[in-house]
Amino acid sequence: MLFDDARTRLVHWTQFLDGKEASTNKTVKNGPNKSGHAETWWRENSGTTPDWRNPRTVAYFCAYLDIAQGRIRLEGITLDDGYLWPDRAVMRALLESGCVTCGDERFQVTTLGEAMVAPFLMIEGGGVRVVIPPTGWSAV
Protein backbone atom coordinates (compact mmCIF):
# COMPACT_ATOMS: atom_id res chain seq x y z
CA MET A 1 0.00 0.00 0.00
CA LEU A 2 1.25 3.48 -0.82
CA PHE A 3 1.33 6.26 1.77
CA ASP A 4 -1.41 8.24 0.02
CA ASP A 5 -3.71 5.21 0.26
CA ALA A 6 -2.81 4.70 3.93
CA ARG A 7 -3.44 8.38 4.66
CA THR A 8 -6.81 8.17 2.90
CA ARG A 9 -7.78 5.22 5.08
CA LEU A 10 -6.67 7.03 8.23
CA VAL A 11 -8.71 10.10 7.30
CA HIS A 12 -11.75 7.94 6.53
CA TRP A 13 -11.52 6.27 9.95
CA THR A 14 -11.08 9.54 11.86
CA GLN A 15 -13.92 11.26 10.01
CA PHE A 16 -16.16 8.22 10.48
CA LEU A 17 -15.57 7.84 14.23
CA ASP A 18 -14.51 11.33 15.34
CA GLY A 19 -15.95 13.64 12.69
CA LYS A 20 -12.55 15.24 12.02
CA GLU A 21 -9.62 14.71 9.69
CA ALA A 22 -6.53 13.01 11.12
CA SER A 23 -4.18 15.63 12.53
CA THR A 24 -1.02 13.49 12.42
CA ASN A 25 0.60 11.06 9.98
CA LYS A 26 0.51 13.65 7.20
CA THR A 27 3.80 12.69 5.54
CA VAL A 28 5.52 9.46 4.64
CA LYS A 29 8.64 8.61 6.63
CA ASN A 30 11.69 7.50 4.68
CA GLY A 31 12.78 4.89 7.20
CA PRO A 32 11.79 3.07 10.35
CA ASN A 33 11.42 4.79 13.71
CA LYS A 34 14.55 3.43 15.37
CA SER A 35 13.50 4.85 18.77
CA GLY A 36 10.26 2.90 18.53
CA HIS A 37 11.99 -0.40 19.29
CA ALA A 38 12.06 0.56 22.98
CA GLU A 39 8.74 0.34 24.80
CA THR A 40 9.95 3.13 27.09
CA TRP A 41 9.96 5.51 24.11
CA TRP A 42 6.26 4.85 23.50
CA ARG A 43 5.45 5.53 27.16
CA GLU A 44 7.23 8.91 27.42
CA ASN A 45 5.34 12.22 27.83
CA SER A 46 2.43 10.72 29.74
CA GLY A 47 0.92 14.18 30.32
CA THR A 48 -0.33 14.23 26.73
CA THR A 49 -2.01 10.83 26.68
CA PRO A 50 -5.56 10.85 25.29
CA ASP A 51 -8.29 8.73 26.82
CA TRP A 52 -8.03 5.32 25.21
CA ARG A 53 -11.82 5.15 24.84
CA ASN A 54 -12.28 8.41 22.95
CA PRO A 55 -13.43 8.19 19.32
CA ARG A 56 -10.19 9.62 17.97
CA THR A 57 -8.00 7.00 19.67
CA VAL A 58 -10.33 4.24 18.49
CA ALA A 59 -10.26 5.67 14.95
CA TYR A 60 -6.46 5.76 14.82
CA PHE A 61 -6.25 2.23 16.22
CA CYS A 62 -8.75 0.94 13.64
CA ALA A 63 -6.86 2.69 10.85
CA TYR A 64 -3.47 1.35 11.94
CA LEU A 65 -4.83 -2.18 12.24
CA ASP A 66 -6.55 -1.87 8.86
CA ILE A 67 -3.47 -0.48 7.10
CA ALA A 68 -1.05 -2.93 8.75
CA GLN A 69 -3.44 -5.90 8.55
CA GLY A 70 -3.24 -6.36 12.31
CA ARG A 71 0.56 -6.26 12.57
CA ILE A 72 1.59 -2.80 13.77
CA ARG A 73 5.37 -2.91 14.00
CA LEU A 74 7.08 -0.88 16.73
CA GLU A 75 9.31 0.77 14.13
CA GLY A 76 6.32 1.79 12.00
CA ILE A 77 4.00 0.37 9.40
CA THR A 78 5.91 -0.61 6.28
CA LEU A 79 4.41 0.84 3.11
CA ASP A 80 5.42 0.44 -0.53
CA ASP A 81 6.95 3.93 -0.53
CA GLY A 82 8.17 4.32 3.05
CA TYR A 83 6.82 4.09 6.57
CA LEU A 84 3.87 5.36 8.55
CA TRP A 85 4.90 5.89 12.16
CA PRO A 86 2.01 5.35 14.59
CA ASP A 87 1.11 8.37 16.70
CA ARG A 88 2.98 8.02 19.98
CA ALA A 89 0.22 9.46 22.19
CA VAL A 90 -2.36 7.11 20.68
CA MET A 91 -0.15 4.06 21.12
CA ARG A 92 0.78 5.15 24.66
CA ALA A 93 -2.92 5.34 25.53
CA LEU A 94 -3.43 1.85 24.13
CA LEU A 95 -0.39 0.52 26.03
CA GLU A 96 -1.42 2.10 29.34
CA SER A 97 -4.97 0.79 29.02
CA GLY A 98 -3.87 -2.75 28.20
CA CYS A 99 -5.30 -2.74 24.67
CA VAL A 100 -1.85 -3.57 23.29
CA THR A 101 1.45 -4.85 24.62
CA CYS A 102 4.90 -4.77 23.06
CA GLY A 103 6.46 -8.03 21.90
CA ASP A 104 8.18 -9.60 18.91
CA GLU A 105 9.00 -6.12 17.55
CA ARG A 106 5.34 -5.18 17.21
CA PHE A 107 2.29 -4.12 19.14
CA GLN A 108 0.37 -7.20 20.24
CA VAL A 109 -3.39 -6.63 20.34
CA THR A 110 -4.91 -7.92 23.58
CA THR A 111 -8.41 -9.22 24.18
CA LEU A 112 -9.38 -5.73 25.39
CA GLY A 113 -7.97 -4.20 22.20
CA GLU A 114 -9.87 -6.66 20.05
CA ALA A 115 -13.08 -5.88 21.95
CA MET A 116 -12.55 -2.14 21.44
CA VAL A 117 -12.38 -2.44 17.64
CA ALA A 118 -14.82 -5.37 17.33
CA PRO A 119 -17.75 -3.22 16.18
CA PHE A 120 -15.65 -2.16 13.17
CA LEU A 121 -12.89 -4.74 12.57
CA MET A 122 -12.37 -8.45 13.02
CA ILE A 123 -8.80 -9.56 13.62
CA GLU A 124 -8.54 -12.95 11.96
CA GLY A 125 -5.43 -15.09 11.80
CA GLY A 126 -2.96 -13.14 9.71
CA GLY A 127 -5.14 -10.19 8.83
CA VAL A 128 -8.00 -7.84 9.51
CA ARG A 129 -11.49 -7.78 8.04
CA VAL A 130 -13.46 -4.54 8.01
CA VAL A 131 -16.94 -5.19 9.42
CA ILE A 132 -18.36 -1.66 9.24
CA PRO A 133 -16.42 0.42 6.73
CA PRO A 134 -16.09 4.15 7.26
CA THR A 135 -18.01 6.49 4.99
CA GLY A 136 -16.26 6.81 1.65
CA TRP A 137 -14.05 3.80 2.33
CA SER A 138 -13.02 1.56 -0.51
CA ALA A 139 -10.66 -1.37 -0.67
CA VAL A 140 -7.19 -0.28 -1.72
Foldseek 3Di string as FASTA:
>chain_A
DDLVLLLVQLQLLCCQQPVGGDPDQPDFAAEFQPVLQDVVVLQPPVVPADALLHSNLLSLLVSQCQQQFNWAFSRARDDPRHGRHRDSNSVNNCCVVVQWDDDPRTTHGDPVVQVSCVVFWHRDDRGIDGDDGGPPDDDD
